[in-house]
Amino acid sequence: MTDAAAQLTRQSDTSFYYAFLLLPAEKRRAIYALYSFCRVLDDCVDEPDGGGEEGLGRWMDEVGRAYGGTPQTDLGRELATTLTRFPIPRACFDEITAGCRMDLSISRYATFQDLRLYCRRVASAVGLASIEIFGYENPITCGYAVELGLALQLTNILRDLASDAARGRLYLPLEDLARFQLAEADVLSAIATPGPAAGAMAALLRFQADRAVAHYESARALLPAEDRRSMLSAEVMGAVYRSLLDEIVARGFPLGPARVRLSKPRKAWIAARTLVRNRLTSRPPAGGTVAAGPTP
């Protein structure tokens, strides 16, 4: 097997990388393949040379070949190997692609319910695919994956306001702009202006942050004790992104092109802290055995 997926994951500088390192080798290779496929689907609609609808169709054809055991690319072969070992539903890729396709035709969302559908497709569907790799016993864990996906995507939206606006997209629901008596032009002007948010704009972004927090808390409440250990990587993802959200809030919702980031040492520390807490609060898997730690 090649390591195309691992290389793409490393090159993307994703905050998820530290969470993936905690997995045993086989699961780590599988999550690299899944993440990398999601990355290339996203690039189809975000990058100038991504190919748009044609690119999505081309990669979804490769998904079909991966399920059929006849992939034609290195990444497709790694995904095919993953699919022989973990029961990821084809519907997850269909949903993710449908979400990416929304970015080709939709640049504004009238209501949060409209935005929620987008978030479920581009983020929660990835979570539902991921837990098939992580492994779980209780079906309630599917609800955990959905809620955590919503929280992560809402955090992304707050972090990426400027870069999304540069692509012509605004993921703040228009009904929320009206709630805070803000015109779309005023919001876009504020987003482009470096410095902390102020006045009604700050109140709008605080409202969005509180919504994300509610989904983080909902995810935490839904995670069954018997699946806490197997969801360690997901918990690290959630902890890193929750810390990112806290940093955005603490800095007063900084606007302009600069992006709020957490340093690599801080992300590593968050991962270590979450690992310790997870071990203290999780229930061993059925049969009393303890899951093996990550292998090189």
Protein backbone atom coordinates (compact mmCIF):
# COMPACT_ATOMS: atom_id res chain seq x y z
CA MET A 1 0.00 0.00 0.00
CA THR A 2 1.21 3.54 -0.72
CA ASP A 3 1.06 6.30 1.88
CA ALA A 4 -0.65 8.91 -0.32
CA ALA A 5 -3.41 9.44 2.24
CA ALA A 6 -0.97 9.88 5.14
CA GLN A 7 1.05 12.41 3.12
CA LEU A 8 -2.05 14.40 2.18
CA THR A 9 -3.17 14.43 5.82
CA ARG A 10 0.20 15.71 7.02
CA GLN A 11 0.42 18.34 4.28
CA SER A 12 -3.03 19.71 5.13
CA ASP A 13 -1.80 20.67 8.63
CA THR A 14 -5.14 19.56 10.05
CA SER A 15 -5.84 19.91 13.76
CA PHE A 16 -7.15 16.35 13.52
CA TYR A 17 -3.65 14.96 12.92
CA TYR A 18 -2.89 14.70 16.64
CA ALA A 19 -6.15 12.86 17.22
CA PHE A 20 -5.31 10.39 14.45
CA LEU A 21 -1.89 9.62 16.00
CA LEU A 22 -3.65 8.05 18.99
CA LEU A 23 -5.17 5.29 16.86
CA PRO A 24 -3.70 1.81 16.34
CA ALA A 25 -1.87 1.54 13.00
CA GLU A 26 -4.67 -0.13 11.00
CA LYS A 27 -7.30 2.37 12.11
CA ARG A 28 -4.89 5.24 11.61
CA ARG A 29 -4.29 4.23 7.98
CA ALA A 30 -8.05 3.92 7.50
CA ILE A 31 -8.85 7.36 8.94
CA TYR A 32 -6.09 8.91 6.81
CA ALA A 33 -7.77 7.42 3.72
CA LEU A 34 -11.20 8.67 4.75
CA TYR A 35 -9.98 12.14 5.69
CA SER A 36 -7.95 12.48 2.49
CA PHE A 37 -10.90 11.50 0.33
CA CYS A 38 -13.05 14.09 2.09
CA ARG A 39 -10.26 16.61 1.52
CA VAL A 40 -10.12 16.04 -2.23
CA LEU A 41 -13.92 16.27 -2.48
CA ASP A 42 -13.81 19.59 -0.64
CA ASP A 43 -10.99 20.82 -2.88
CA CYS A 44 -13.20 20.20 -5.92
CA VAL A 45 -15.37 23.14 -4.89
CA ASP A 46 -12.81 25.28 -3.02
CA GLU A 47 -9.76 25.26 -5.28
CA PRO A 48 -9.54 26.99 -8.69
CA ASP A 49 -8.32 23.78 -10.33
CA GLY A 50 -10.65 21.48 -8.36
CA GLY A 51 -12.95 20.82 -11.29
CA GLY A 52 -16.22 21.74 -9.57
CA GLU A 53 -19.08 19.41 -10.49
CA GLU A 54 -16.88 17.49 -12.90
CA GLY A 55 -14.29 16.95 -10.19
CA LEU A 56 -16.92 15.73 -7.73
CA GLY A 57 -18.24 13.32 -10.33
CA ARG A 58 -14.77 12.02 -11.12
CA TRP A 59 -13.94 11.32 -7.48
CA MET A 60 -17.35 9.82 -6.72
CA ASP A 61 -16.79 7.45 -9.64
CA GLU A 62 -13.60 6.43 -7.85
CA VAL A 63 -15.58 5.91 -4.64
CA GLY A 64 -17.84 3.54 -6.58
CA ARG A 65 -14.83 1.68 -7.92
CA ALA A 66 -13.35 1.49 -4.41
CA TYR A 67 -16.55 -0.16 -3.14
CA GLY A 68 -16.40 -2.50 -6.14
CA GLY A 69 -12.76 -3.39 -5.57
CA THR A 70 -11.47 -1.79 -8.80
CA PRO A 71 -9.99 1.62 -7.84
CA GLN A 72 -7.70 3.39 -10.30
CA THR A 73 -5.78 5.84 -8.07
CA ASP A 74 -3.45 5.44 -5.10
CA LEU A 75 -5.97 7.21 -2.89
CA GLY A 76 -8.78 5.03 -4.22
CA ARG A 77 -6.76 1.90 -3.46
CA GLU A 78 -6.22 3.05 0.12
CA LEU A 79 -9.92 3.77 0.48
CA ALA A 80 -10.75 0.34 -0.98
CA THR A 81 -8.54 -1.30 1.64
CA THR A 82 -10.34 0.69 4.33
CA LEU A 83 -13.74 -0.40 3.02
CA THR A 84 -12.80 -4.07 3.20
CA ARG A 85 -12.03 -3.70 6.91
CA PHE A 86 -14.56 -1.15 8.17
CA PRO A 87 -18.31 -0.95 7.33
CA ILE A 88 -18.52 2.66 6.15
CA PRO A 89 -21.91 3.16 4.45
CA ARG A 90 -21.79 4.43 0.87
CA ALA A 91 -24.47 6.92 1.94
CA CYS A 92 -21.83 8.82 3.95
CA PHE A 93 -19.90 9.67 0.78
CA ASP A 94 -23.14 10.56 -1.01
CA GLU A 95 -24.00 12.99 1.80
CA ILE A 96 -20.54 14.53 1.90
CA THR A 97 -20.64 15.07 -1.85
CA ALA A 98 -24.12 16.58 -1.63
CA GLY A 99 -22.78 19.03 0.93
CA CYS A 100 -19.82 19.98 -1.27
CA ARG A 101 -22.22 20.41 -4.19
CA MET A 102 -24.19 22.94 -2.12
CA ASP A 103 -21.08 25.16 -2.18
CA LEU A 104 -21.33 25.27 -5.96
CA SER A 105 -24.85 26.72 -5.98
CA ILE A 106 -25.58 28.21 -2.55
CA SER A 107 -23.72 31.17 -1.07
CA ARG A 108 -26.28 32.32 1.53
CA TYR A 109 -28.47 30.47 4.06
CA ALA A 110 -31.77 32.02 5.04
CA THR A 111 -32.21 30.09 8.30
CA PHE A 112 -30.15 28.03 10.68
CA GLN A 113 -32.15 24.97 9.68
CA ASP A 114 -30.91 25.47 6.12
CA LEU A 115 -27.34 25.82 7.36
CA ARG A 116 -27.76 22.82 9.63
CA LEU A 117 -28.44 20.60 6.61
CA TYR A 118 -25.21 21.79 5.04
CA CYS A 119 -23.26 21.15 8.26
CA ARG A 120 -24.76 17.67 8.64
CA ARG A 121 -23.66 16.79 5.14
CA VAL A 122 -20.10 18.15 5.16
CA ALA A 123 -19.26 17.38 8.79
CA SER A 124 -21.69 15.03 10.57
CA ALA A 125 -21.56 12.56 7.67
CA VAL A 126 -17.78 12.46 8.07
CA GLY A 127 -18.30 11.76 11.76
CA LEU A 128 -20.69 8.91 11.03
CA ALA A 129 -18.12 7.39 8.67
CA SER A 130 -15.32 7.89 11.20
CA ILE A 131 -17.02 6.07 14.06
CA GLU A 132 -17.24 2.97 11.88
CA ILE A 133 -13.43 3.03 11.93
CA PHE A 134 -13.14 3.91 15.61
CA GLY A 135 -15.64 1.19 16.56
CA TYR A 136 -18.63 1.54 18.90
CA GLU A 137 -21.13 -0.60 20.80
CA ASN A 138 -24.05 1.72 21.50
CA PRO A 139 -26.06 3.16 18.57
CA ILE A 140 -26.51 6.37 20.57
CA THR A 141 -22.91 7.08 19.60
CA CYS A 142 -24.24 7.91 16.11
CA GLY A 143 -26.07 10.87 17.67
CA TYR A 144 -22.81 11.89 19.33
CA ALA A 145 -21.09 11.89 15.94
CA VAL A 146 -23.81 14.06 14.41
CA GLU A 147 -23.71 16.63 17.20
CA LEU A 148 -19.93 16.78 17.32
CA GLY A 149 -19.83 17.27 13.55
CA LEU A 150 -22.22 20.22 13.84
CA ALA A 151 -20.10 21.77 16.59
CA LEU A 152 -16.87 21.39 14.59
CA GLN A 153 -18.37 22.89 11.45
CA LEU A 154 -19.87 25.85 13.29
CA THR A 155 -16.43 26.49 14.78
CA ASN A 156 -14.92 26.33 11.29
CA ILE A 157 -17.42 28.92 10.11
CA LEU A 158 -16.39 31.38 12.82
CA ARG A 159 -12.69 30.77 12.12
CA ASP A 160 -13.00 31.10 8.33
CA LEU A 161 -15.30 34.09 7.92
CA ALA A 162 -12.81 36.05 5.80
CA SER A 163 -11.65 33.21 3.55
CA ASP A 164 -15.24 32.11 2.96
CA ALA A 165 -16.27 35.68 2.14
CA ALA A 166 -13.39 35.86 -0.36
CA ARG A 167 -15.02 32.89 -2.12
CA GLY A 168 -18.35 34.73 -2.12
CA ARG A 169 -19.85 32.67 0.70
CA LEU A 170 -21.46 33.74 3.95
CA TYR A 171 -22.40 30.97 6.37
CA LEU A 172 -24.04 33.22 8.97
CA PRO A 173 -27.81 32.67 8.64
CA LEU A 174 -29.60 35.71 7.27
CA GLU A 175 -32.30 35.36 9.92
CA ASP A 176 -29.57 35.91 12.53
CA LEU A 177 -28.35 39.03 10.75
CA ALA A 178 -31.91 40.33 10.95
CA ARG A 179 -32.08 39.38 14.64
CA PHE A 180 -29.18 41.74 15.33
CA GLN A 181 -30.38 44.36 12.83
CA LEU A 182 -27.38 43.94 10.56
CA ALA A 183 -27.42 44.35 6.79
CA GLU A 184 -25.45 41.83 4.75
CA ALA A 185 -23.22 44.59 3.35
CA ASP A 186 -22.33 45.74 6.87
CA VAL A 187 -21.41 42.20 7.91
CA LEU A 188 -19.20 41.67 4.86
CA SER A 189 -17.50 45.01 5.47
CA ALA A 190 -16.85 44.09 9.11
CA ILE A 191 -15.47 40.69 8.13
CA ALA A 192 -12.93 42.34 5.83
CA THR A 193 -11.75 44.84 8.46
CA PRO A 194 -8.92 43.62 10.75
CA GLY A 195 -9.54 43.85 14.48
CA PRO A 196 -11.97 42.49 17.05
CA ALA A 197 -15.68 42.52 16.30
CA ALA A 198 -17.68 45.31 17.89
CA GLY A 199 -21.26 46.23 18.63
CA ALA A 200 -23.98 44.25 16.88
CA MET A 201 -21.38 42.26 14.92
CA ALA A 202 -19.81 41.03 18.14
CA ALA A 203 -23.25 40.12 19.47
CA LEU A 204 -24.02 38.19 16.25
CA LEU A 205 -20.79 36.21 16.47
CA ARG A 206 -21.30 35.54 20.17
CA PHE A 207 -24.73 34.11 19.27
CA GLN A 208 -23.08 31.78 16.74
CA ALA A 209 -20.42 30.74 19.27
CA ASP A 210 -23.08 29.94 21.88
CA ARG A 211 -24.85 27.78 19.30
CA ALA A 212 -21.62 25.84 18.68
CA VAL A 213 -21.09 25.40 22.43
CA ALA A 214 -24.60 23.95 22.74
CA HIS A 215 -23.69 21.29 20.16
CA TYR A 216 -20.41 20.47 21.93
CA GLU A 217 -22.37 20.00 25.16
CA SER A 218 -25.03 17.91 23.40
CA ALA A 219 -22.32 15.66 21.98
CA ARG A 220 -20.74 15.24 25.40
CA ALA A 221 -24.09 14.30 26.93
CA LEU A 222 -24.81 11.72 24.23
CA LEU A 223 -21.52 9.81 24.35
CA PRO A 224 -22.16 6.50 26.19
CA ALA A 225 -19.62 5.46 28.82
CA GLU A 226 -18.95 2.17 27.07
CA ASP A 227 -17.84 3.98 23.90
CA ARG A 228 -15.72 6.72 25.46
CA ARG A 229 -12.49 4.81 25.03
CA SER A 230 -13.07 3.94 21.38
CA MET A 231 -14.06 7.56 20.70
CA LEU A 232 -10.78 8.93 22.11
CA SER A 233 -9.71 10.38 18.75
CA ALA A 234 -13.10 12.03 18.29
CA GLU A 235 -12.85 13.45 21.80
CA VAL A 236 -9.44 14.92 21.00
CA MET A 237 -10.88 16.51 17.84
CA GLY A 238 -13.66 18.01 19.91
CA ALA A 239 -11.28 19.25 22.62
CA VAL A 240 -8.94 20.92 20.12
CA TYR A 241 -11.77 22.63 18.27
CA ARG A 242 -13.52 23.65 21.50
CA SER A 243 -10.24 25.27 22.60
CA LEU A 244 -10.04 26.99 19.21
CA LEU A 245 -13.55 28.33 19.70
CA ASP A 246 -12.64 29.53 23.21
CA GLU A 247 -9.60 31.31 21.75
CA ILE A 248 -11.74 33.03 19.10
CA VAL A 249 -14.13 34.23 21.82
CA ALA A 250 -11.30 35.31 24.13
CA ARG A 251 -9.75 37.42 21.36
CA GLY A 252 -13.04 39.19 20.76
CA PHE A 253 -13.87 37.48 17.45
CA PRO A 254 -10.94 38.87 15.43
CA LEU A 255 -11.89 39.75 11.86
CA GLY A 256 -9.87 40.36 8.73
CA PRO A 257 -7.74 37.86 6.81
CA ALA A 258 -5.69 36.63 9.79
CA ARG A 259 -6.87 33.23 11.02
CA VAL A 260 -6.96 32.20 14.68
CA ARG A 261 -4.78 29.12 15.16
CA LEU A 262 -3.60 27.00 18.04
CA SER A 263 0.11 26.24 18.21
CA LYS A 264 1.29 22.67 17.66
CA PRO A 265 2.54 22.36 21.28
CA ARG A 266 -0.84 23.53 22.55
CA LYS A 267 -2.69 21.02 20.37
CA ALA A 268 -0.37 18.26 21.55
CA TRP A 269 -1.00 19.27 25.18
CA ILE A 270 -4.78 19.25 24.60
CA ALA A 271 -4.48 15.76 23.11
CA ALA A 272 -2.48 14.50 26.10
CA ARG A 273 -4.90 16.06 28.58
CA THR A 274 -7.88 14.54 26.79
CA LEU A 275 -6.19 11.13 26.75
CA VAL A 276 -5.78 11.21 30.54
CA ARG A 277 -9.36 12.35 31.13
CA ASN A 278 -10.69 9.74 28.73
CA ARG A 279 -8.90 6.94 30.56
CA LEU A 280 -10.27 8.15 33.88
CA THR A 281 -13.90 8.39 32.76
CA SER A 282 -14.35 5.62 30.18
CA ARG A 283 -15.67 2.13 30.74
CA PRO A 284 -13.54 -0.77 29.45
CA PRO A 285 -14.93 -2.55 26.38
CA ALA A 286 -17.25 -5.53 26.83
CA GLY A 287 -15.33 -8.50 28.19
CA GLY A 288 -13.11 -6.35 30.35
CA THR A 289 -10.27 -5.99 27.86
CA VAL A 290 -8.51 -2.70 27.38
CA ALA A 291 -8.02 -1.35 23.87
CA ALA A 292 -4.44 -1.41 22.65
CA GLY A 293 -2.54 1.84 22.42
CA PRO A 294 -1.26 3.28 19.16
CA THR A 295 1.50 1.44 17.35
CA PRO A 296 4.15 2.94 15.10
